[in-house]
Amino acid sequence: VMRLTKPTLFTNIPVTCEERDLPGNLFNQLMKDDPSTVKGAETLMLGEMLTLPQNFGNIFLGETFSSYISVHNDSNQVVKDILVKADLQTSSQRLNLSASSAAVAELKPDCCIDDVIHHEVKEIGTHILVCAVSYTTQTGEKMYFRKFFKFQVLKPLDVKTKFYNAETDEVFLEAQIQNITTSPMFMEKVSLEPSMMYNVAELNTVDTGRESESTFGARTYLQPMDTRQYLYCLKPKQEFAEKAGVIKGVTVIGKLDIVWKTNLGERGRLQTSQLQRMAPGYGDVRLSLETIPDTVNLEEPFDITCKITNCSERTMDLVLEMCNTNSIHWCGVSGRQLGKLHPSSSLHLALTLLSSVQGLQSVSGLRLTDTFLKRTYEYDDIAQVCVVSSEIKQ
């Protein structure tokens, strides 16, 4: 049994000295005459030749394990009904990797049966390749033997995720991916496959007008022990947008799909399990801003739009009260009846304000009272607005 892997670039140890030393220019001339060195850069360790693997090497999760199996008849007799079987034993399952399950009719002396097996490694830990051979001798005696080849599957990447909840129903996912192998990787693709509730937007490119460029540069190589951060924005689909504010408990976001290439184009792929996050709690009533201007004029009215959502399991009868602050004043009638609001439903309110103080001012002073339970919900520091003089704005 021999593992099939890509060759590696030949490395040599340069031996040189100064011209005034005893060997003179002998070492330098030997390096120039060496066919394995790079012409013009003989002192570099990396050569121009490729070398076949000298040992089993490392196999990482997500890569494809390939092996060559050869059964040779060392005797001087013809054997019949040869059956070669290759199984891969992991900690959780046993997989049959043989390309064919049919027996070979006969095998003459000094002849062999060859087979190549492939398997995408999906588990970490100890793997055992079990090769079993059964055959029948000329006297009719049935023979059987097995050989075991043990190897370890290592973890290539360390993936950490963080969730950030926006004031809107958007969710931002930050994925930190670290290369924990000993060789650089070319990150071919890192994408997020969202669940059925969300649409995803990747925030890992910069739009330069003609085309989008990666924030990591043209060549997205990840050196050993380096970490790279990817950012994604998930927005609820239209059919789930109304219910997004009242979803409670653990929700499924999606899963990451990572594809990379290592030495001489060896490909690997990993998919994480479904990523989950705890939905933020908004209490019984959620108040969010739909529209608000960035900059307003001093002592001039401006409009905002609020969205009120009933996150409880009961119907509410709400009353809106508006309390003025030192800088922000509400324009309208306080104590307005909003009517009944059923569970998981929402309503939109258009409100008018006026600021008497310049600078960055905070919108505060909204009060919602449920007349059924006589419970009041206070909302302060809802948002900030920049107040400037009308002359400055002009």
Protein backbone atom coordinates (compact mmCIF):
# COMPACT_ATOMS: atom_id res chain seq x y z
CA VAL A 1 0.00 0.00 0.00
CA MET A 2 1.32 3.48 -0.91
CA ARG A 3 -0.36 6.81 -0.37
CA LEU A 4 -0.72 8.94 -3.51
CA THR A 5 0.20 12.57 -2.90
CA LYS A 6 1.54 15.48 -4.90
CA PRO A 7 5.34 15.81 -5.23
CA THR A 8 7.22 18.58 -3.43
CA LEU A 9 9.87 21.04 -4.55
CA PHE A 10 13.40 19.84 -3.91
CA THR A 11 15.25 21.64 -1.13
CA ASN A 12 19.01 21.68 -0.85
CA ILE A 13 21.39 23.05 1.78
CA PRO A 14 23.69 25.65 0.18
CA VAL A 15 27.36 25.42 1.18
CA THR A 16 29.40 28.49 0.37
CA CYS A 17 32.40 30.47 1.58
CA GLU A 18 34.25 33.68 0.89
CA GLU A 19 36.80 33.81 -1.93
CA ARG A 20 39.69 34.45 0.48
CA ASP A 21 38.96 31.18 2.35
CA LEU A 22 40.91 28.04 1.55
CA PRO A 23 38.37 26.42 -0.87
CA GLY A 24 38.23 29.66 -2.83
CA ASN A 25 35.46 29.61 -5.41
CA LEU A 26 35.09 25.80 -5.36
CA PHE A 27 31.79 25.63 -3.39
CA ASN A 28 30.18 28.38 -5.46
CA GLN A 29 31.13 26.64 -8.70
CA LEU A 30 29.75 23.31 -7.45
CA MET A 31 26.41 24.95 -6.66
CA LYS A 32 26.27 26.51 -10.12
CA ASP A 33 26.95 23.11 -11.72
CA ASP A 34 24.28 21.41 -9.58
CA PRO A 35 21.22 20.73 -11.81
CA SER A 36 18.80 21.00 -8.87
CA THR A 37 19.59 24.63 -8.03
CA VAL A 38 17.91 27.72 -9.45
CA LYS A 39 20.15 29.38 -12.01
CA GLY A 40 21.23 32.82 -10.81
CA ALA A 41 20.00 32.12 -7.27
CA GLU A 42 22.04 29.10 -6.23
CA THR A 43 22.13 30.10 -2.55
CA LEU A 44 18.35 29.69 -2.22
CA MET A 45 17.29 26.47 -0.52
CA LEU A 46 14.35 25.95 -2.89
CA GLY A 47 15.31 24.11 -6.06
CA GLU A 48 13.69 23.65 -9.48
CA MET A 49 13.16 19.89 -9.24
CA LEU A 50 10.23 17.92 -7.85
CA THR A 51 10.72 15.01 -5.46
CA LEU A 52 8.36 12.14 -4.76
CA PRO A 53 7.02 11.83 -1.18
CA GLN A 54 9.42 10.00 1.10
CA ASN A 55 6.89 9.32 3.87
CA PHE A 56 3.15 9.24 4.50
CA GLY A 57 2.96 12.97 5.33
CA ASN A 58 0.05 14.73 6.98
CA ILE A 59 -3.59 14.28 6.03
CA PHE A 60 -6.05 17.00 7.09
CA LEU A 61 -9.78 17.07 7.56
CA GLY A 62 -11.58 17.96 4.33
CA GLU A 63 -8.83 16.68 2.03
CA THR A 64 -9.08 13.62 -0.24
CA PHE A 65 -7.14 10.53 0.89
CA SER A 66 -5.82 8.58 -2.12
CA SER A 67 -3.96 5.29 -1.93
CA TYR A 68 -2.49 2.74 -4.32
CA ILE A 69 -2.98 -0.94 -3.43
CA SER A 70 -1.03 -3.71 -5.17
CA VAL A 71 -1.34 -7.47 -4.57
CA HIS A 72 1.62 -9.41 -6.05
CA ASN A 73 1.92 -13.15 -6.53
CA ASP A 74 5.39 -13.98 -5.18
CA SER A 75 5.01 -17.73 -5.61
CA ASN A 76 5.57 -19.96 -8.68
CA GLN A 77 1.98 -21.21 -8.69
CA VAL A 78 -1.21 -19.85 -10.19
CA VAL A 79 -3.84 -18.84 -7.60
CA LYS A 80 -7.54 -18.44 -8.30
CA ASP A 81 -10.57 -16.45 -7.09
CA ILE A 82 -8.55 -13.56 -5.70
CA LEU A 83 -10.70 -11.01 -3.86
CA VAL A 84 -9.13 -7.75 -2.61
CA LYS A 85 -11.11 -5.66 -0.15
CA ALA A 86 -10.14 -2.28 1.33
CA ASP A 87 -12.05 -0.82 4.29
CA LEU A 88 -11.46 2.40 6.22
CA GLN A 89 -12.18 2.13 9.93
CA THR A 90 -12.87 5.35 11.85
CA SER A 91 -13.99 5.95 15.41
CA SER A 92 -17.65 5.96 14.32
CA GLN A 93 -18.00 3.90 11.12
CA ARG A 94 -16.43 1.44 8.71
CA LEU A 95 -16.38 2.37 5.00
CA ASN A 96 -15.78 0.12 1.99
CA LEU A 97 -13.39 1.84 -0.45
CA SER A 98 -12.88 -0.96 -2.97
CA ALA A 99 -13.56 0.06 -6.55
CA SER A 100 -14.86 -3.42 -7.47
CA SER A 101 -16.30 -6.25 -5.39
CA ALA A 102 -15.83 -8.92 -8.11
CA ALA A 103 -13.19 -11.59 -7.68
CA VAL A 104 -10.32 -12.03 -10.15
CA ALA A 105 -10.40 -15.47 -11.80
CA GLU A 106 -6.66 -16.19 -11.57
CA LEU A 107 -3.33 -14.56 -10.85
CA LYS A 108 -0.19 -15.92 -12.49
CA PRO A 109 3.29 -15.86 -10.87
CA ASP A 110 5.01 -12.46 -10.80
CA CYS A 111 1.74 -10.76 -11.73
CA CYS A 112 -0.19 -8.30 -9.62
CA ILE A 113 -3.64 -6.79 -9.08
CA ASP A 114 -3.70 -2.99 -8.75
CA ASP A 115 -6.36 -0.71 -7.33
CA VAL A 116 -6.57 3.00 -6.48
CA ILE A 117 -8.96 4.20 -3.80
CA HIS A 118 -10.14 7.71 -2.95
CA HIS A 119 -11.97 9.02 0.10
CA GLU A 120 -12.82 12.53 1.30
CA VAL A 121 -11.86 12.63 4.97
CA LYS A 122 -14.72 13.88 7.14
CA GLU A 123 -13.60 12.89 10.65
CA ILE A 124 -10.73 13.85 12.94
CA GLY A 125 -8.67 11.26 14.77
CA THR A 126 -7.28 7.78 14.13
CA HIS A 127 -8.09 6.07 10.82
CA ILE A 128 -7.16 2.46 10.00
CA LEU A 129 -6.97 1.22 6.41
CA VAL A 130 -7.80 -2.52 6.48
CA CYS A 131 -6.69 -4.44 3.38
CA ALA A 132 -7.97 -8.04 3.19
CA VAL A 133 -7.02 -10.61 0.51
CA SER A 134 -8.64 -14.00 0.00
CA TYR A 135 -7.65 -16.57 -2.67
CA THR A 136 -7.70 -20.27 -3.54
CA THR A 137 -4.55 -22.35 -4.13
CA GLN A 138 -4.10 -25.01 -6.80
CA THR A 139 -4.95 -27.70 -4.24
CA GLY A 140 -8.30 -26.03 -3.52
CA GLU A 141 -7.29 -24.63 -0.13
CA LYS A 142 -8.84 -21.24 0.68
CA MET A 143 -6.37 -18.70 2.12
CA TYR A 144 -6.94 -15.34 3.74
CA PHE A 145 -4.77 -12.56 5.22
CA ARG A 146 -5.13 -8.91 6.30
CA LYS A 147 -2.88 -5.91 6.74
CA PHE A 148 -3.54 -2.76 8.75
CA PHE A 149 -2.28 0.78 8.06
CA LYS A 150 -2.95 3.39 10.71
CA PHE A 151 -2.81 7.16 10.19
CA GLN A 152 -4.00 10.30 11.96
CA VAL A 153 -6.31 12.96 10.47
CA LEU A 154 -5.50 16.45 11.75
CA LYS A 155 -7.52 19.64 11.97
CA PRO A 156 -6.47 22.21 9.31
CA LEU A 157 -8.46 25.27 10.38
CA ASP A 158 -9.71 26.83 13.58
CA VAL A 159 -13.06 28.57 13.02
CA LYS A 160 -14.65 30.95 15.54
CA THR A 161 -17.89 32.89 15.01
CA LYS A 162 -19.43 35.97 16.64
CA PHE A 163 -22.91 37.40 16.19
CA TYR A 164 -23.92 41.07 16.38
CA ASN A 165 -27.59 42.13 16.47
CA ALA A 166 -28.45 45.47 14.86
CA GLU A 167 -31.30 47.74 15.95
CA THR A 168 -33.07 46.60 12.81
CA ASP A 169 -33.68 42.90 12.25
CA GLU A 170 -30.30 42.46 10.56
CA VAL A 171 -27.73 40.03 11.99
CA PHE A 172 -23.97 40.46 11.40
CA LEU A 173 -21.78 37.36 11.51
CA GLU A 174 -18.01 37.61 11.99
CA ALA A 175 -16.08 34.43 11.15
CA GLN A 176 -12.45 34.15 12.31
CA ILE A 177 -10.52 31.51 10.33
CA GLN A 178 -7.01 30.51 11.44
CA ASN A 179 -4.56 28.31 9.51
CA ILE A 180 -3.19 25.84 12.08
CA THR A 181 -1.15 23.78 9.59
CA THR A 182 2.57 24.21 8.85
CA SER A 183 2.19 25.37 5.23
CA PRO A 184 0.46 28.34 3.57
CA MET A 185 -3.04 28.00 2.14
CA PHE A 186 -4.76 29.61 -0.82
CA MET A 187 -8.29 30.48 0.31
CA GLU A 188 -10.35 29.74 -2.79
CA LYS A 189 -13.80 30.36 -1.29
CA VAL A 190 -15.30 31.28 2.07
CA SER A 191 -19.06 31.69 1.80
CA LEU A 192 -22.07 31.57 4.09
CA GLU A 193 -25.05 29.43 3.11
CA PRO A 194 -27.97 31.03 4.98
CA SER A 195 -30.98 29.23 6.39
CA MET A 196 -34.41 29.54 4.79
CA MET A 197 -35.22 32.64 6.89
CA TYR A 198 -32.39 34.91 5.71
CA ASN A 199 -30.74 36.49 2.70
CA VAL A 200 -26.99 37.03 3.03
CA ALA A 201 -24.71 39.81 1.81
CA GLU A 202 -20.91 39.32 1.89
CA LEU A 203 -18.98 42.32 3.23
CA ASN A 204 -15.51 41.10 2.23
CA THR A 205 -15.05 43.07 -1.00
CA VAL A 206 -14.49 46.71 -1.92
CA ASP A 207 -16.29 48.14 -4.95
CA THR A 208 -13.77 50.12 -7.03
CA GLY A 209 -16.25 51.08 -9.76
CA ARG A 210 -15.30 48.57 -12.44
CA GLU A 211 -15.15 45.44 -10.32
CA SER A 212 -15.14 44.26 -6.73
CA GLU A 213 -11.77 43.58 -5.10
CA SER A 214 -11.20 41.38 -2.10
CA THR A 215 -10.30 43.17 1.13
CA PHE A 216 -7.46 40.64 1.54
CA GLY A 217 -5.75 41.54 -1.74
CA ALA A 218 -5.38 39.86 -5.11
CA ARG A 219 -3.64 36.75 -3.73
CA THR A 220 -5.59 35.47 -0.75
CA TYR A 221 -2.85 33.37 0.87
CA LEU A 222 -3.18 32.48 4.54
CA GLN A 223 0.19 31.86 6.17
CA PRO A 224 0.62 29.31 9.02
CA MET A 225 -0.98 30.46 12.31
CA ASP A 226 -2.41 33.58 10.61
CA THR A 227 -6.06 34.54 11.20
CA ARG A 228 -8.44 36.16 8.77
CA GLN A 229 -11.83 37.72 9.57
CA TYR A 230 -14.84 37.47 7.26
CA LEU A 231 -18.02 39.52 7.74
CA TYR A 232 -21.56 38.75 6.56
CA CYS A 233 -24.87 40.58 6.91
CA LEU A 234 -28.07 38.53 7.13
CA LYS A 235 -31.47 40.11 6.50
CA PRO A 236 -34.80 38.35 7.10
CA LYS A 237 -36.71 37.43 3.95
CA GLN A 238 -39.92 39.30 3.18
CA GLU A 239 -42.17 36.52 4.44
CA PHE A 240 -40.30 36.40 7.76
CA ALA A 241 -39.66 40.15 8.16
CA GLU A 242 -42.84 40.83 10.11
CA LYS A 243 -42.16 37.99 12.54
CA ALA A 244 -38.43 38.63 12.93
CA GLY A 245 -38.93 40.89 15.94
CA VAL A 246 -41.00 38.36 17.87
CA ILE A 247 -38.82 35.26 17.28
CA LYS A 248 -37.56 33.93 20.59
CA GLY A 249 -35.06 31.30 21.64
CA VAL A 250 -32.37 29.71 19.44
CA THR A 251 -32.56 30.36 15.69
CA VAL A 252 -30.56 28.75 12.86
CA ILE A 253 -28.47 31.20 10.82
CA GLY A 254 -26.74 28.97 8.27
CA LYS A 255 -23.38 27.26 7.73
CA LEU A 256 -19.95 28.24 6.43
CA ASP A 257 -18.49 26.63 3.30
CA ILE A 258 -14.67 26.87 3.14
CA VAL A 259 -12.55 25.73 0.16
CA TRP A 260 -8.74 25.99 0.07
CA LYS A 261 -5.72 24.70 -1.84
CA THR A 262 -2.32 23.72 -0.45
CA ASN A 263 0.97 22.51 -1.93
CA LEU A 264 0.75 22.20 -5.73
CA GLY A 265 -3.05 22.60 -5.85
CA GLU A 266 -4.20 19.94 -3.38
CA ARG A 267 -7.80 20.85 -2.63
CA GLY A 268 -9.63 20.74 0.69
CA ARG A 269 -13.15 21.63 1.72
CA LEU A 270 -14.91 22.05 5.06
CA GLN A 271 -18.51 22.79 5.94
CA THR A 272 -19.39 23.80 9.48
CA SER A 273 -22.48 22.56 11.25
CA GLN A 274 -25.53 24.81 11.35
CA LEU A 275 -24.64 28.03 13.18
CA GLN A 276 -27.12 29.04 15.85
CA ARG A 277 -27.67 32.22 17.82
CA MET A 278 -29.88 33.26 20.72
CA ALA A 279 -32.48 35.74 19.51
CA PRO A 280 -32.39 38.99 21.52
CA GLY A 281 -35.24 39.59 23.94
CA TYR A 282 -37.27 42.76 23.47
CA GLY A 283 -39.74 42.36 26.36
CA ASP A 284 -43.47 42.64 25.76
CA VAL A 285 -43.36 45.64 23.42
CA ARG A 286 -40.63 46.47 20.91
CA LEU A 287 -40.19 50.00 19.56
CA SER A 288 -37.88 50.52 16.59
CA LEU A 289 -37.21 53.44 14.25
CA GLU A 290 -38.04 53.01 10.59
CA THR A 291 -36.99 56.46 9.31
CA ILE A 292 -35.18 59.42 10.90
CA PRO A 293 -33.14 62.23 9.29
CA ASP A 294 -29.40 62.47 9.95
CA THR A 295 -29.28 66.28 10.18
CA VAL A 296 -32.09 68.73 11.06
CA ASN A 297 -32.37 72.51 11.42
CA LEU A 298 -32.51 74.21 14.79
CA GLU A 299 -36.07 75.04 15.94
CA GLU A 300 -37.61 73.50 12.83
CA PRO A 301 -39.96 70.48 13.02
CA PHE A 302 -38.81 67.14 11.59
CA ASP A 303 -40.59 63.81 11.19
CA ILE A 304 -39.70 60.29 12.29
CA THR A 305 -41.47 56.96 11.79
CA CYS A 306 -41.66 54.39 14.61
CA LYS A 307 -42.68 50.76 14.48
CA ILE A 308 -44.36 49.21 17.53
CA THR A 309 -44.47 45.40 17.75
CA ASN A 310 -46.38 43.29 20.28
CA CYS A 311 -43.90 40.60 21.34
CA SER A 312 -46.13 39.11 24.04
CA GLU A 313 -48.78 36.40 23.76
CA ARG A 314 -51.71 38.62 24.69
CA THR A 315 -53.62 41.48 23.07
CA MET A 316 -52.68 44.99 24.27
CA ASP A 317 -54.61 48.24 24.34
CA LEU A 318 -51.91 50.90 24.07
CA VAL A 319 -51.84 54.60 24.88
CA LEU A 320 -48.98 56.81 23.60
CA GLU A 321 -47.57 59.54 25.84
CA MET A 322 -44.86 62.00 24.83
CA CYS A 323 -42.62 63.70 27.40
CA ASN A 324 -40.46 66.69 26.44
CA THR A 325 -36.77 66.84 27.40
CA ASN A 326 -34.48 69.86 27.78
CA SER A 327 -33.50 69.79 24.10
CA ILE A 328 -36.13 67.70 22.26
CA HIS A 329 -39.82 68.72 22.16
CA TRP A 330 -42.68 66.65 20.77
CA CYS A 331 -45.23 68.24 18.44
CA GLY A 332 -48.60 66.58 18.87
CA VAL A 333 -51.18 65.40 21.38
CA SER A 334 -49.93 63.25 24.26
CA GLY A 335 -52.14 60.48 25.59
CA ARG A 336 -53.24 59.32 22.15
CA GLN A 337 -55.14 56.02 21.94
CA LEU A 338 -53.40 53.58 19.59
CA GLY A 339 -56.05 50.90 19.87
CA LYS A 340 -55.71 47.18 20.28
CA LEU A 341 -52.55 45.44 19.12
CA HIS A 342 -52.73 41.67 18.69
CA PRO A 343 -49.81 39.28 19.43
CA SER A 344 -47.00 39.26 16.83
CA SER A 345 -48.57 42.22 15.02
CA SER A 346 -47.18 45.74 14.59
CA LEU A 347 -48.18 49.27 13.66
CA HIS A 348 -46.37 52.32 12.27
CA LEU A 349 -46.46 55.80 13.82
CA ALA A 350 -45.47 59.07 12.18
CA LEU A 351 -44.31 61.56 14.85
CA THR A 352 -43.02 65.14 14.72
CA LEU A 353 -40.25 66.65 16.89
CA LEU A 354 -38.48 69.97 17.32
CA SER A 355 -35.05 70.66 18.81
CA SER A 356 -34.13 73.84 20.69
CA VAL A 357 -30.44 72.99 21.23
CA GLN A 358 -27.69 72.51 18.66
CA GLY A 359 -25.39 69.49 18.56
CA LEU A 360 -25.95 65.74 18.69
CA GLN A 361 -29.24 65.28 20.52
CA SER A 362 -30.86 62.09 21.77
CA VAL A 363 -34.49 61.29 21.01
CA SER A 364 -36.19 60.35 24.29
CA GLY A 365 -39.46 60.63 26.15
CA LEU A 366 -41.80 58.08 24.58
CA ARG A 367 -44.12 56.17 26.94
CA LEU A 368 -46.45 53.32 26.02
CA THR A 369 -49.10 52.23 28.54
CA ASP A 370 -51.08 49.00 28.34
CA THR A 371 -54.51 49.83 29.77
CA PHE A 372 -55.34 46.16 30.32
CA LEU A 373 -52.50 45.53 32.83
CA LYS A 374 -51.86 49.19 33.74
CA ARG A 375 -48.21 48.67 32.74
CA THR A 376 -46.05 51.47 31.31
CA TYR A 377 -43.08 50.91 28.98
CA GLU A 378 -40.48 53.71 28.80
CA TYR A 379 -38.31 54.36 25.75
CA ASP A 380 -35.37 56.75 26.07
CA ASP A 381 -32.25 57.23 23.91
CA ILE A 382 -34.03 55.72 20.93
CA ALA A 383 -31.72 57.40 18.42
CA GLN A 384 -29.48 60.44 17.90
CA VAL A 385 -29.93 63.32 15.48
CA CYS A 386 -27.50 66.13 14.57
CA VAL A 387 -29.05 69.60 15.05
CA VAL A 388 -27.43 72.50 13.20
CA SER A 389 -28.29 76.15 12.63
CA SER A 390 -30.23 76.79 9.45
CA GLU A 391 -27.53 79.29 8.35
CA ILE A 392 -24.78 76.70 8.76
CA LYS A 393 -26.73 74.11 6.77
CA GLN A 394 -27.30 76.57 3.92
